[in-house]
């Protein structure tokens, strides 16, 4: 279902990685700049989304749900995005690069069915206005990390839950709903959620 840009909150990235994340998708200019092939929309998850929300660590891999609303084939889009890494310079003058993670799939992790209702539009001076870049909400990014649940994922979840606008009760409610229709090991993910909640409250004590 296409996202309606005007009804979602926006954020203008103020870090080198945040700006690079939007510019990364400008490679689609040949497909979308003319407007006759519709609109491209992408929702970013993973470490890049964590960075946008918290300004902490970044990620070289772009975990993203790609959607084309028009006449361009998804395979064509993915091929363009996967051709070259996007090179940029961070605040410390270090050369970094972004690459699309072709293996990312939102069906492989727990994710609430209404996550599109909570996305945030990333806005910069893009030369391709009909290429729209969104980031999943902090809560939905945290929920998506309950599956792999490595040390870095657990750290990311706790940092996201500490954001002032994130309500721990809403996170737990949405996470339990998402786990209820998750196709994987429900007991394991519930156990991971309980660890997250315990760690959160331990940190608050």
N, C-alpha and C. Protein backbone atom coordinates (compact mmCIF):
# COMPACT_ATOMS: atom_id res chain seq x y z
N UNK A 1 0.85 -1.19 0.00
CA UNK A 1 0.00 0.00 0.00
C UNK A 1 0.89 1.24 0.00
N UNK A 2 0.69 2.16 -0.93
CA UNK A 2 1.54 3.36 -0.98
C UNK A 2 1.42 4.20 0.27
N UNK A 3 2.54 4.80 0.69
CA UNK A 3 2.56 5.70 1.83
C UNK A 3 2.18 7.09 1.34
N UNK A 4 1.31 7.77 2.08
CA UNK A 4 0.92 9.15 1.74
C UNK A 4 1.88 10.11 2.42
N UNK A 5 2.80 10.73 1.69
CA UNK A 5 3.88 11.51 2.30
C UNK A 5 3.41 12.63 3.23
N UNK A 6 2.31 13.28 2.90
CA UNK A 6 1.90 14.45 3.65
C UNK A 6 1.41 14.18 5.06
N UNK A 7 1.10 12.93 5.40
CA UNK A 7 0.48 12.66 6.69
C UNK A 7 1.46 12.12 7.72
N UNK A 8 2.73 12.02 7.38
CA UNK A 8 3.72 11.45 8.28
C UNK A 8 4.68 12.52 8.79
N UNK A 9 5.18 12.34 10.02
CA UNK A 9 6.20 13.28 10.51
C UNK A 9 7.46 13.20 9.66
N UNK A 10 8.23 14.26 9.66
CA UNK A 10 9.46 14.28 8.88
C UNK A 10 10.64 14.61 9.80
N UNK A 11 11.83 14.26 9.33
CA UNK A 11 13.04 14.61 10.03
C UNK A 11 14.10 14.93 8.98
N UNK A 12 14.87 15.97 9.22
CA UNK A 12 15.96 16.30 8.32
C UNK A 12 17.25 15.81 8.95
N UNK A 13 17.87 14.79 8.38
CA UNK A 13 19.07 14.21 8.98
C UNK A 13 20.17 15.25 9.12
N UNK A 14 20.82 15.26 10.29
CA UNK A 14 21.86 16.25 10.52
C UNK A 14 23.22 15.60 10.76
N UNK A 15 23.38 14.37 10.27
CA UNK A 15 24.67 13.69 10.33
C UNK A 15 25.07 13.28 8.92
N UNK A 16 26.35 13.02 8.73
CA UNK A 16 26.84 12.61 7.40
C UNK A 16 26.17 11.32 6.95
N UNK A 17 26.02 10.37 7.86
CA UNK A 17 25.38 9.11 7.51
C UNK A 17 23.91 9.31 7.16
N UNK A 18 23.23 10.16 7.92
CA UNK A 18 21.82 10.41 7.64
C UNK A 18 21.62 11.01 6.27
N UNK A 19 22.44 12.00 5.92
CA UNK A 19 22.32 12.62 4.60
C UNK A 19 22.71 11.63 3.50
N UNK A 20 23.75 10.83 3.75
CA UNK A 20 24.20 9.84 2.77
C UNK A 20 23.12 8.80 2.53
N UNK A 21 22.36 8.48 3.56
CA UNK A 21 21.33 7.46 3.42
C UNK A 21 20.28 7.88 2.41
N UNK A 22 19.91 9.17 2.43
CA UNK A 22 18.95 9.68 1.44
C UNK A 22 19.60 9.73 0.06
N UNK A 23 20.82 10.24 0.01
CA UNK A 23 21.52 10.39 -1.28
C UNK A 23 21.84 9.03 -1.91
N UNK A 24 21.96 8.00 -1.09
CA UNK A 24 22.20 6.65 -1.58
C UNK A 24 21.16 6.24 -2.62
N UNK A 25 19.94 6.68 -2.41
CA UNK A 25 18.85 6.28 -3.31
C UNK A 25 18.73 7.18 -4.53
N UNK A 26 19.55 8.22 -4.62
CA UNK A 26 19.52 9.09 -5.79
C UNK A 26 20.01 8.37 -7.05
N UNK A 27 20.62 7.19 -6.87
CA UNK A 27 21.03 6.40 -8.04
C UNK A 27 19.82 6.02 -8.89
N UNK A 28 18.64 6.13 -8.31
CA UNK A 28 17.41 5.79 -9.04
C UNK A 28 16.91 6.94 -9.91
N UNK A 29 17.67 8.02 -9.98
CA UNK A 29 17.26 9.16 -10.79
C UNK A 29 16.90 8.78 -12.22
N UNK A 30 17.69 7.93 -12.92
CA UNK A 30 17.33 7.59 -14.30
C UNK A 30 15.95 6.96 -14.43
N UNK A 31 15.48 6.29 -13.38
CA UNK A 31 14.19 5.61 -13.44
C UNK A 31 13.06 6.56 -13.06
N UNK A 32 13.27 7.39 -12.04
CA UNK A 32 12.14 8.11 -11.45
C UNK A 32 12.12 9.62 -11.66
N UNK A 33 13.20 10.21 -12.14
CA UNK A 33 13.26 11.68 -12.20
C UNK A 33 12.18 12.27 -13.09
N UNK A 34 11.81 11.58 -14.16
CA UNK A 34 10.82 12.12 -15.07
C UNK A 34 9.41 12.05 -14.56
N UNK A 35 9.15 11.19 -13.59
CA UNK A 35 7.82 11.09 -12.99
C UNK A 35 6.88 10.14 -13.70
N UNK A 36 7.23 9.71 -14.91
CA UNK A 36 6.29 8.87 -15.66
C UNK A 36 6.27 7.42 -15.18
N UNK A 37 7.22 7.07 -14.31
CA UNK A 37 7.25 5.69 -13.82
C UNK A 37 6.82 5.58 -12.36
N UNK A 38 6.08 6.59 -11.93
CA UNK A 38 5.48 6.51 -10.60
C UNK A 38 6.41 6.98 -9.49
N UNK A 39 6.20 6.41 -8.31
CA UNK A 39 6.92 6.83 -7.11
C UNK A 39 7.63 5.63 -6.49
N UNK A 40 8.86 5.90 -6.05
CA UNK A 40 9.62 4.88 -5.33
C UNK A 40 9.60 5.23 -3.85
N UNK A 41 9.31 4.25 -3.02
CA UNK A 41 9.32 4.46 -1.58
C UNK A 41 10.14 3.35 -0.92
N UNK A 42 10.89 3.72 0.09
CA UNK A 42 11.70 2.75 0.81
C UNK A 42 11.57 3.03 2.30
N UNK A 43 11.52 1.97 3.11
CA UNK A 43 11.50 2.09 4.57
C UNK A 43 12.77 1.45 5.10
N UNK A 44 13.56 2.22 5.83
CA UNK A 44 14.85 1.76 6.32
C UNK A 44 14.72 1.20 7.73
N UNK A 45 15.36 0.06 7.95
CA UNK A 45 15.41 -0.60 9.25
C UNK A 45 16.89 -0.72 9.66
N UNK A 46 17.17 -1.61 10.58
CA UNK A 46 18.56 -1.98 10.91
C UNK A 46 19.37 -0.86 11.55
N UNK A 47 20.69 -1.01 11.43
CA UNK A 47 21.61 -0.07 12.06
C UNK A 47 21.47 1.35 11.55
N UNK A 48 21.14 1.51 10.27
CA UNK A 48 20.95 2.87 9.74
C UNK A 48 19.76 3.55 10.40
N UNK A 49 18.69 2.80 10.64
CA UNK A 49 17.53 3.37 11.31
C UNK A 49 17.86 3.72 12.76
N UNK A 50 18.63 2.85 13.42
CA UNK A 50 19.05 3.14 14.79
C UNK A 50 19.82 4.46 14.83
N UNK A 51 20.70 4.66 13.85
CA UNK A 51 21.49 5.89 13.80
C UNK A 51 20.61 7.12 13.61
N UNK A 52 19.63 7.04 12.73
CA UNK A 52 18.75 8.18 12.49
C UNK A 52 18.02 8.57 13.77
N UNK A 53 17.57 7.57 14.52
CA UNK A 53 16.81 7.85 15.74
C UNK A 53 17.68 8.31 16.90
N UNK A 54 18.90 7.78 17.00
CA UNK A 54 19.68 7.98 18.21
C UNK A 54 21.00 8.72 17.99
N UNK A 55 21.44 8.81 16.72
CA UNK A 55 22.75 9.38 16.37
C UNK A 55 23.91 8.58 16.95
N UNK A 56 23.63 7.38 17.42
CA UNK A 56 24.70 6.48 17.83
C UNK A 56 25.11 5.66 16.63
N UNK A 57 25.74 4.57 16.80
CA UNK A 57 26.41 3.78 15.78
C UNK A 57 25.68 3.75 14.43
N UNK A 58 26.44 3.54 13.39
CA UNK A 58 25.87 3.43 12.06
C UNK A 58 26.01 2.02 11.54
N UNK A 59 25.82 1.85 10.27
CA UNK A 59 25.93 0.55 9.63
C UNK A 59 26.25 0.74 8.17
N UNK A 60 27.14 -0.10 7.65
CA UNK A 60 27.47 -0.04 6.23
C UNK A 60 26.38 -0.68 5.39
N UNK A 61 25.62 -1.59 6.00
CA UNK A 61 24.55 -2.28 5.28
C UNK A 61 23.24 -1.51 5.41
N UNK A 62 22.58 -1.31 4.29
CA UNK A 62 21.28 -0.64 4.30
C UNK A 62 20.20 -1.72 4.27
N UNK A 63 19.55 -1.92 5.43
CA UNK A 63 18.42 -2.84 5.52
C UNK A 63 17.17 -2.06 5.16
N UNK A 64 16.54 -2.42 4.06
CA UNK A 64 15.43 -1.58 3.58
C UNK A 64 14.37 -2.41 2.90
N UNK A 65 13.12 -2.00 3.14
CA UNK A 65 11.98 -2.56 2.42
C UNK A 65 11.72 -1.66 1.21
N UNK A 66 11.87 -2.24 0.04
CA UNK A 66 11.78 -1.48 -1.21
C UNK A 66 10.41 -1.67 -1.83
N UNK A 67 9.79 -0.57 -2.25
CA UNK A 67 8.48 -0.66 -2.90
C UNK A 67 8.42 0.33 -4.05
N UNK A 68 7.91 -0.13 -5.18
CA UNK A 68 7.72 0.73 -6.34
C UNK A 68 6.23 0.87 -6.60
N UNK A 69 5.76 2.10 -6.61
CA UNK A 69 4.35 2.36 -6.90
C UNK A 69 4.27 3.05 -8.26
N UNK A 70 4.23 2.24 -9.27
CA UNK A 70 4.23 2.77 -10.63
C UNK A 70 4.57 1.66 -11.61
N UNK A 71 5.48 1.96 -12.54
CA UNK A 71 5.73 1.04 -13.63
C UNK A 71 7.13 0.43 -13.63
N UNK A 72 7.95 0.77 -12.66
CA UNK A 72 9.29 0.20 -12.59
C UNK A 72 9.25 -1.15 -11.90
N UNK A 73 10.02 -2.09 -12.41
CA UNK A 73 10.09 -3.41 -11.81
C UNK A 73 10.98 -3.38 -10.57
N UNK A 74 10.54 -4.08 -9.51
CA UNK A 74 11.33 -4.11 -8.29
C UNK A 74 12.72 -4.67 -8.54
N UNK A 75 12.82 -5.68 -9.41
CA UNK A 75 14.12 -6.27 -9.71
C UNK A 75 15.07 -5.25 -10.34
N UNK A 76 14.52 -4.36 -11.18
CA UNK A 76 15.32 -3.32 -11.80
C UNK A 76 15.85 -2.35 -10.75
N UNK A 77 14.99 -2.00 -9.79
CA UNK A 77 15.39 -1.08 -8.72
C UNK A 77 16.50 -1.69 -7.88
N UNK A 78 16.31 -2.93 -7.45
CA UNK A 78 17.30 -3.59 -6.61
C UNK A 78 18.63 -3.72 -7.33
N UNK A 79 18.56 -3.99 -8.64
CA UNK A 79 19.79 -4.11 -9.43
C UNK A 79 20.54 -2.79 -9.46
N UNK A 80 19.83 -1.69 -9.65
CA UNK A 80 20.47 -0.37 -9.66
C UNK A 80 21.09 -0.04 -8.31
N UNK A 81 20.35 -0.32 -7.25
CA UNK A 81 20.85 -0.03 -5.91
C UNK A 81 22.04 -0.89 -5.54
N UNK A 82 22.10 -2.08 -6.12
CA UNK A 82 23.17 -3.00 -5.76
C UNK A 82 24.41 -2.90 -6.63
N UNK A 83 24.39 -2.01 -7.63
CA UNK A 83 25.53 -1.93 -8.56
C UNK A 83 26.80 -1.45 -7.89
N UNK A 84 26.71 -0.39 -7.12
CA UNK A 84 27.90 0.22 -6.51
C UNK A 84 27.60 0.63 -5.08
N UNK A 85 28.65 0.60 -4.26
CA UNK A 85 28.52 1.14 -2.91
C UNK A 85 28.52 2.66 -2.99
N UNK A 86 27.82 3.31 -2.07
CA UNK A 86 27.79 4.77 -2.01
C UNK A 86 28.85 5.23 -1.02
N UNK A 87 29.80 5.99 -1.49
CA UNK A 87 30.93 6.43 -0.66
C UNK A 87 30.67 7.85 -0.16
N UNK A 88 30.93 8.07 1.14
CA UNK A 88 30.78 9.41 1.71
C UNK A 88 31.82 9.59 2.81
N UNK A 89 31.96 10.81 3.27
CA UNK A 89 32.93 11.13 4.32
C UNK A 89 32.19 11.52 5.59
N UNK A 90 32.53 10.88 6.70
CA UNK A 90 31.84 11.18 7.95
C UNK A 90 32.40 12.43 8.62
N UNK A 91 31.86 12.75 9.80
CA UNK A 91 32.25 13.98 10.49
C UNK A 91 33.72 14.01 10.88
N UNK A 92 34.35 12.85 10.99
CA UNK A 92 35.75 12.78 11.38
C UNK A 92 36.68 12.70 10.17
N UNK A 93 36.11 12.85 8.97
CA UNK A 93 36.91 12.82 7.77
C UNK A 93 37.26 11.44 7.27
N UNK A 94 36.60 10.43 7.82
CA UNK A 94 36.86 9.05 7.43
C UNK A 94 35.92 8.65 6.29
N UNK A 95 36.48 8.01 5.27
CA UNK A 95 35.67 7.55 4.14
C UNK A 95 34.86 6.32 4.54
N UNK A 96 33.57 6.39 4.32
CA UNK A 96 32.66 5.30 4.64
C UNK A 96 31.88 4.93 3.38
N UNK A 97 31.20 3.79 3.43
CA UNK A 97 30.37 3.42 2.28
C UNK A 97 29.10 2.73 2.74
N UNK A 98 28.07 2.88 1.94
CA UNK A 98 26.79 2.23 2.18
C UNK A 98 26.52 1.24 1.05
N UNK A 99 25.99 0.08 1.42
CA UNK A 99 25.60 -0.92 0.42
C UNK A 99 24.26 -1.52 0.81
N UNK A 100 23.43 -1.78 -0.18
CA UNK A 100 22.14 -2.40 0.07
C UNK A 100 22.33 -3.86 0.48
N UNK A 101 21.68 -4.26 1.57
CA UNK A 101 21.68 -5.67 1.99
C UNK A 101 20.57 -6.38 1.22
N UNK A 102 20.96 -7.08 0.18
CA UNK A 102 19.98 -7.75 -0.67
C UNK A 102 19.24 -8.88 0.01
N UNK A 103 19.74 -9.34 1.15
CA UNK A 103 19.09 -10.46 1.85
C UNK A 103 18.05 -9.99 2.86
N UNK A 104 17.94 -8.68 3.08
CA UNK A 104 17.00 -8.20 4.09
C UNK A 104 15.57 -8.44 3.64
N UNK A 105 14.74 -8.91 4.58
CA UNK A 105 13.34 -9.18 4.28
C UNK A 105 12.53 -8.97 5.56
N UNK A 106 11.53 -8.12 5.51
CA UNK A 106 10.76 -7.81 6.71
C UNK A 106 9.96 -9.01 7.22
N UNK A 107 9.78 -10.04 6.41
CA UNK A 107 9.02 -11.21 6.86
C UNK A 107 9.86 -12.14 7.73
N UNK A 108 11.17 -11.90 7.81
CA UNK A 108 12.04 -12.81 8.55
C UNK A 108 12.20 -12.42 10.01
N UNK A 109 11.61 -11.32 10.42
CA UNK A 109 11.71 -10.87 11.81
C UNK A 109 10.32 -10.46 12.28
N UNK A 110 10.09 -10.44 13.59
CA UNK A 110 8.79 -9.97 14.07
C UNK A 110 8.60 -8.51 13.72
N UNK A 111 7.43 -8.18 13.23
CA UNK A 111 7.14 -6.81 12.84
C UNK A 111 5.64 -6.60 12.94
N UNK A 112 5.24 -5.52 13.58
CA UNK A 112 3.82 -5.26 13.77
C UNK A 112 3.18 -4.92 12.43
N UNK A 113 1.96 -5.38 12.24
CA UNK A 113 1.29 -5.19 10.95
C UNK A 113 1.02 -3.72 10.61
N UNK A 114 1.02 -2.85 11.61
CA UNK A 114 0.73 -1.44 11.36
C UNK A 114 1.99 -0.58 11.31
N UNK A 115 3.15 -1.18 11.08
CA UNK A 115 4.40 -0.41 11.15
C UNK A 115 4.44 0.73 10.13
N UNK A 116 3.77 0.59 9.00
CA UNK A 116 3.79 1.66 8.00
C UNK A 116 3.08 2.92 8.52
N UNK A 117 2.19 2.76 9.48
CA UNK A 117 1.47 3.91 10.03
C UNK A 117 2.38 4.78 10.90
N UNK A 118 3.56 4.26 11.27
CA UNK A 118 4.43 4.98 12.20
C UNK A 118 5.75 5.42 11.56
N UNK A 119 5.88 5.31 10.25
CA UNK A 119 7.15 5.67 9.61
C UNK A 119 7.39 7.17 9.67
N UNK A 120 8.66 7.56 9.49
CA UNK A 120 9.07 8.96 9.49
C UNK A 120 9.77 9.23 8.16
N UNK A 121 9.41 10.32 7.51
CA UNK A 121 10.01 10.68 6.22
C UNK A 121 11.36 11.38 6.45
N UNK A 122 12.39 10.92 5.75
CA UNK A 122 13.69 11.60 5.77
C UNK A 122 13.69 12.62 4.65
N UNK A 123 14.00 13.85 4.98
CA UNK A 123 13.91 14.93 4.01
C UNK A 123 15.27 15.61 3.86
N UNK A 124 15.78 15.65 2.65
CA UNK A 124 16.96 16.45 2.33
C UNK A 124 16.72 17.08 0.96
N UNK A 125 17.71 17.80 0.48
CA UNK A 125 17.58 18.42 -0.84
C UNK A 125 17.90 17.38 -1.92
N UNK A 126 17.03 16.41 -2.05
CA UNK A 126 17.23 15.37 -3.04
C UNK A 126 16.92 15.90 -4.44
N UNK A 127 17.68 15.45 -5.42
CA UNK A 127 17.41 15.86 -6.80
C UNK A 127 16.34 14.98 -7.45
N UNK A 128 15.86 14.01 -6.69
CA UNK A 128 14.82 13.11 -7.22
C UNK A 128 13.63 13.15 -6.25
N UNK A 129 12.75 14.15 -6.37
CA UNK A 129 11.69 14.33 -5.38
C UNK A 129 10.70 13.18 -5.29
N UNK A 130 10.55 12.40 -6.34
CA UNK A 130 9.61 11.28 -6.26
C UNK A 130 10.28 9.98 -5.85
N UNK A 131 11.48 10.09 -5.28
CA UNK A 131 12.11 8.98 -4.56
C UNK A 131 12.00 9.34 -3.08
N UNK A 132 11.17 8.62 -2.36
CA UNK A 132 10.84 8.96 -0.97
C UNK A 132 11.50 7.96 -0.02
N UNK A 133 12.25 8.48 0.95
CA UNK A 133 12.97 7.63 1.90
C UNK A 133 12.35 7.81 3.29
N UNK A 134 11.95 6.70 3.87
CA UNK A 134 11.35 6.69 5.19
C UNK A 134 12.20 5.82 6.12
N UNK A 135 12.05 6.05 7.41
CA UNK A 135 12.69 5.19 8.40
C UNK A 135 11.59 4.65 9.31
N UNK A 136 11.71 3.36 9.65
CA UNK A 136 10.74 2.76 10.56
C UNK A 136 10.83 3.44 11.93
N UNK A 137 9.73 3.46 12.65
CA UNK A 137 9.72 4.11 13.96
C UNK A 137 10.68 3.40 14.91
N UNK A 138 11.08 4.10 15.97
CA UNK A 138 11.99 3.52 16.95
C UNK A 138 11.42 2.24 17.54
N UNK A 139 10.12 2.24 17.83
CA UNK A 139 9.50 1.05 18.41
C UNK A 139 9.54 -0.11 17.42
N UNK A 140 9.23 0.15 16.16
CA UNK A 140 9.20 -0.94 15.18
C UNK A 140 10.60 -1.46 14.87
N UNK A 141 11.60 -0.59 14.88
CA UNK A 141 12.98 -1.05 14.71
C UNK A 141 13.36 -1.96 15.88
N UNK A 142 12.98 -1.54 17.09
CA UNK A 142 13.29 -2.35 18.27
C UNK A 142 12.61 -3.71 18.20
N UNK A 143 11.35 -3.74 17.79
CA UNK A 143 10.64 -5.02 17.67
C UNK A 143 11.32 -5.93 16.66
N UNK A 144 11.76 -5.35 15.54
CA UNK A 144 12.37 -6.16 14.48
C UNK A 144 13.69 -6.80 14.94
N UNK A 145 14.29 -6.25 15.99
CA UNK A 145 15.56 -6.77 16.48
C UNK A 145 15.40 -7.86 17.53
N UNK A 146 14.17 -8.23 17.84
CA UNK A 146 13.94 -9.28 18.84
C UNK A 146 14.26 -10.68 18.31
N UNK A 147 14.45 -10.82 17.02
CA UNK A 147 14.71 -12.15 16.45
C UNK A 147 16.19 -12.50 16.54
N UNK A 148 17.04 -11.75 15.85
CA UNK A 148 18.47 -12.09 15.84
C UNK A 148 19.06 -11.95 17.24
N UNK A 149 18.79 -10.85 17.91
CA UNK A 149 19.02 -10.67 19.34
C UNK A 149 20.46 -10.90 19.79
N UNK A 150 21.42 -10.49 18.94
CA UNK A 150 22.81 -10.52 19.36
C UNK A 150 23.07 -9.40 20.35
N UNK A 151 24.30 -9.33 20.83
CA UNK A 151 24.65 -8.30 21.81
C UNK A 151 24.38 -6.90 21.27
N UNK A 152 24.76 -6.66 20.00
CA UNK A 152 24.54 -5.34 19.41
C UNK A 152 23.05 -5.04 19.29
N UNK A 153 22.26 -6.06 18.92
CA UNK A 153 20.81 -5.86 18.81
C UNK A 153 20.22 -5.48 20.16
N UNK A 154 20.65 -6.15 21.21
CA UNK A 154 20.12 -5.85 22.54
C UNK A 154 20.51 -4.44 22.97
N UNK A 155 21.73 -4.04 22.66
CA UNK A 155 22.15 -2.67 22.96
C UNK A 155 21.31 -1.66 22.19
N UNK A 156 21.09 -1.95 20.91
CA UNK A 156 20.28 -1.05 20.08
C UNK A 156 18.87 -0.89 20.64
N UNK A 157 18.27 -2.01 21.04
CA UNK A 157 16.91 -1.97 21.57
C UNK A 157 16.84 -1.08 22.80
N UNK A 158 17.80 -1.25 23.71
CA UNK A 158 17.78 -0.45 24.93
C UNK A 158 17.98 1.04 24.64
N UNK A 159 18.85 1.37 23.69
CA UNK A 159 19.06 2.78 23.33
C UNK A 159 17.78 3.36 22.74
N UNK A 160 17.10 2.59 21.89
CA UNK A 160 15.85 3.06 21.29
C UNK A 160 14.76 3.26 22.35
N UNK A 161 14.71 2.34 23.32
CA UNK A 161 13.67 2.44 24.35
C UNK A 161 13.91 3.60 25.30
N UNK A 162 15.14 4.11 25.34
CA UNK A 162 15.44 5.24 26.21
C UNK A 162 15.08 6.59 25.59
N UNK A 163 14.68 6.58 24.32
CA UNK A 163 14.31 7.85 23.67
C UNK A 163 13.09 8.45 24.37
N UNK A 164 13.06 9.77 24.54
CA UNK A 164 11.99 10.40 25.33
C UNK A 164 10.58 10.14 24.81
N UNK A 165 10.43 9.95 23.50
CA UNK A 165 9.09 9.78 22.94
C UNK A 165 8.65 8.33 22.88
N UNK A 166 9.50 7.40 23.34
CA UNK A 166 9.17 5.98 23.30
C UNK A 166 8.57 5.56 24.64
N UNK A 167 7.41 4.95 24.57
CA UNK A 167 6.72 4.47 25.77
C UNK A 167 6.93 2.97 25.89
N UNK A 168 7.48 2.53 27.01
CA UNK A 168 7.81 1.12 27.19
C UNK A 168 6.55 0.25 27.16
N UNK A 169 5.44 0.79 27.67
CA UNK A 169 4.19 0.03 27.64
C UNK A 169 3.69 -0.19 26.23
N UNK A 170 3.80 0.84 25.39
CA UNK A 170 3.38 0.70 23.99
C UNK A 170 4.30 -0.28 23.27
N UNK A 171 5.60 -0.19 23.53
CA UNK A 171 6.53 -1.13 22.92
C UNK A 171 6.15 -2.57 23.27
N UNK A 172 5.92 -2.84 24.54
CA UNK A 172 5.60 -4.22 24.94
C UNK A 172 4.29 -4.68 24.32
N UNK A 173 3.29 -3.81 24.28
CA UNK A 173 1.99 -4.18 23.70
C UNK A 173 2.14 -4.51 22.21
N UNK A 174 2.80 -3.63 21.47
CA UNK A 174 2.96 -3.86 20.03
C UNK A 174 3.85 -5.07 19.76
N UNK A 175 4.87 -5.26 20.59
CA UNK A 175 5.75 -6.41 20.41
C UNK A 175 4.99 -7.71 20.61
N UNK A 176 4.17 -7.77 21.65
CA UNK A 176 3.40 -9.00 21.91
C UNK A 176 2.40 -9.26 20.79
N UNK A 177 1.80 -8.20 20.25
CA UNK A 177 0.88 -8.39 19.12
C UNK A 177 1.65 -8.91 17.91
N UNK A 178 2.82 -8.35 17.65
CA UNK A 178 3.63 -8.79 16.51
C UNK A 178 4.07 -10.24 16.66
N UNK A 179 4.47 -10.61 17.86
CA UNK A 179 4.91 -11.98 18.11
C UNK A 179 3.75 -12.96 17.95
N UNK A 180 2.53 -12.49 18.22
CA UNK A 180 1.35 -13.35 18.12
C UNK A 180 1.13 -13.88 16.71
N UNK A 181 1.56 -13.14 15.68
CA UNK A 181 1.41 -13.65 14.31
C UNK A 181 2.74 -13.83 13.62
N UNK A 182 3.81 -13.90 14.39
CA UNK A 182 5.13 -14.18 13.83
C UNK A 182 5.22 -15.65 13.45
N UNK A 183 5.85 -15.93 12.30
CA UNK A 183 5.87 -17.31 11.80
C UNK A 183 7.03 -18.12 12.39
N UNK A 184 7.90 -17.50 13.15
CA UNK A 184 9.05 -18.21 13.70
C UNK A 184 8.75 -18.80 15.07
N UNK A 185 9.80 -18.99 15.86
CA UNK A 185 9.71 -19.61 17.18
C UNK A 185 9.15 -18.59 18.16
N UNK A 186 7.87 -18.66 18.41
CA UNK A 186 7.20 -17.66 19.24
C UNK A 186 7.75 -17.66 20.67
N UNK A 187 7.99 -18.85 21.21
CA UNK A 187 8.47 -18.94 22.60
C UNK A 187 9.83 -18.27 22.75
N UNK A 188 10.70 -18.45 21.77
CA UNK A 188 12.03 -17.85 21.84
C UNK A 188 11.94 -16.32 21.79
N UNK A 189 11.10 -15.79 20.89
CA UNK A 189 10.98 -14.34 20.77
C UNK A 189 10.34 -13.75 22.01
N UNK A 190 9.36 -14.44 22.59
CA UNK A 190 8.76 -13.97 23.83
C UNK A 190 9.80 -13.93 24.95
N UNK A 191 10.67 -14.95 24.97
CA UNK A 191 11.75 -14.96 25.95
C UNK A 191 12.68 -13.78 25.76
N UNK A 192 12.99 -13.46 24.50
CA UNK A 192 13.84 -12.30 24.21
C UNK A 192 13.16 -11.00 24.67
N UNK A 193 11.85 -10.91 24.44
CA UNK A 193 11.11 -9.73 24.87
C UNK A 193 11.16 -9.58 26.38
N UNK A 194 11.01 -10.68 27.09
CA UNK A 194 11.06 -10.62 28.56
C UNK A 194 12.43 -10.15 29.04
N UNK A 195 13.49 -10.58 28.35
CA UNK A 195 14.84 -10.13 28.69
C UNK A 195 14.95 -8.62 28.51
N UNK A 196 14.40 -8.13 27.38
CA UNK A 196 14.44 -6.70 27.09
C UNK A 196 13.72 -5.90 28.17
N UNK A 197 12.52 -6.35 28.54
CA UNK A 197 11.73 -5.62 29.54
C UNK A 197 12.45 -5.63 30.89
N UNK A 198 13.00 -6.79 31.27
CA UNK A 198 13.73 -6.88 32.54
C UNK A 198 14.95 -5.96 32.53
N UNK A 199 15.70 -5.96 31.42
CA UNK A 199 16.89 -5.10 31.33
C UNK A 199 16.50 -3.63 31.39
N UNK A 200 15.40 -3.29 30.75
CA UNK A 200 14.94 -1.89 30.75
C UNK A 200 14.65 -1.43 32.17
N UNK A 201 13.86 -2.23 32.90
CA UNK A 201 13.48 -1.84 34.25
C UNK A 201 14.66 -1.90 35.21
N UNK A 202 15.61 -2.79 34.95
CA UNK A 202 16.81 -2.84 35.76
C UNK A 202 17.62 -1.56 35.58
N UNK A 203 17.65 -1.08 34.35
CA UNK A 203 18.37 0.16 34.07
C UNK A 203 17.69 1.38 34.65
N UNK A 204 16.37 1.30 34.82
CA UNK A 204 15.61 2.42 35.38
C UNK A 204 15.71 2.47 36.90
N UNK A 205 16.07 1.34 37.50
CA UNK A 205 16.09 1.27 38.97
C UNK A 205 17.19 2.16 39.55
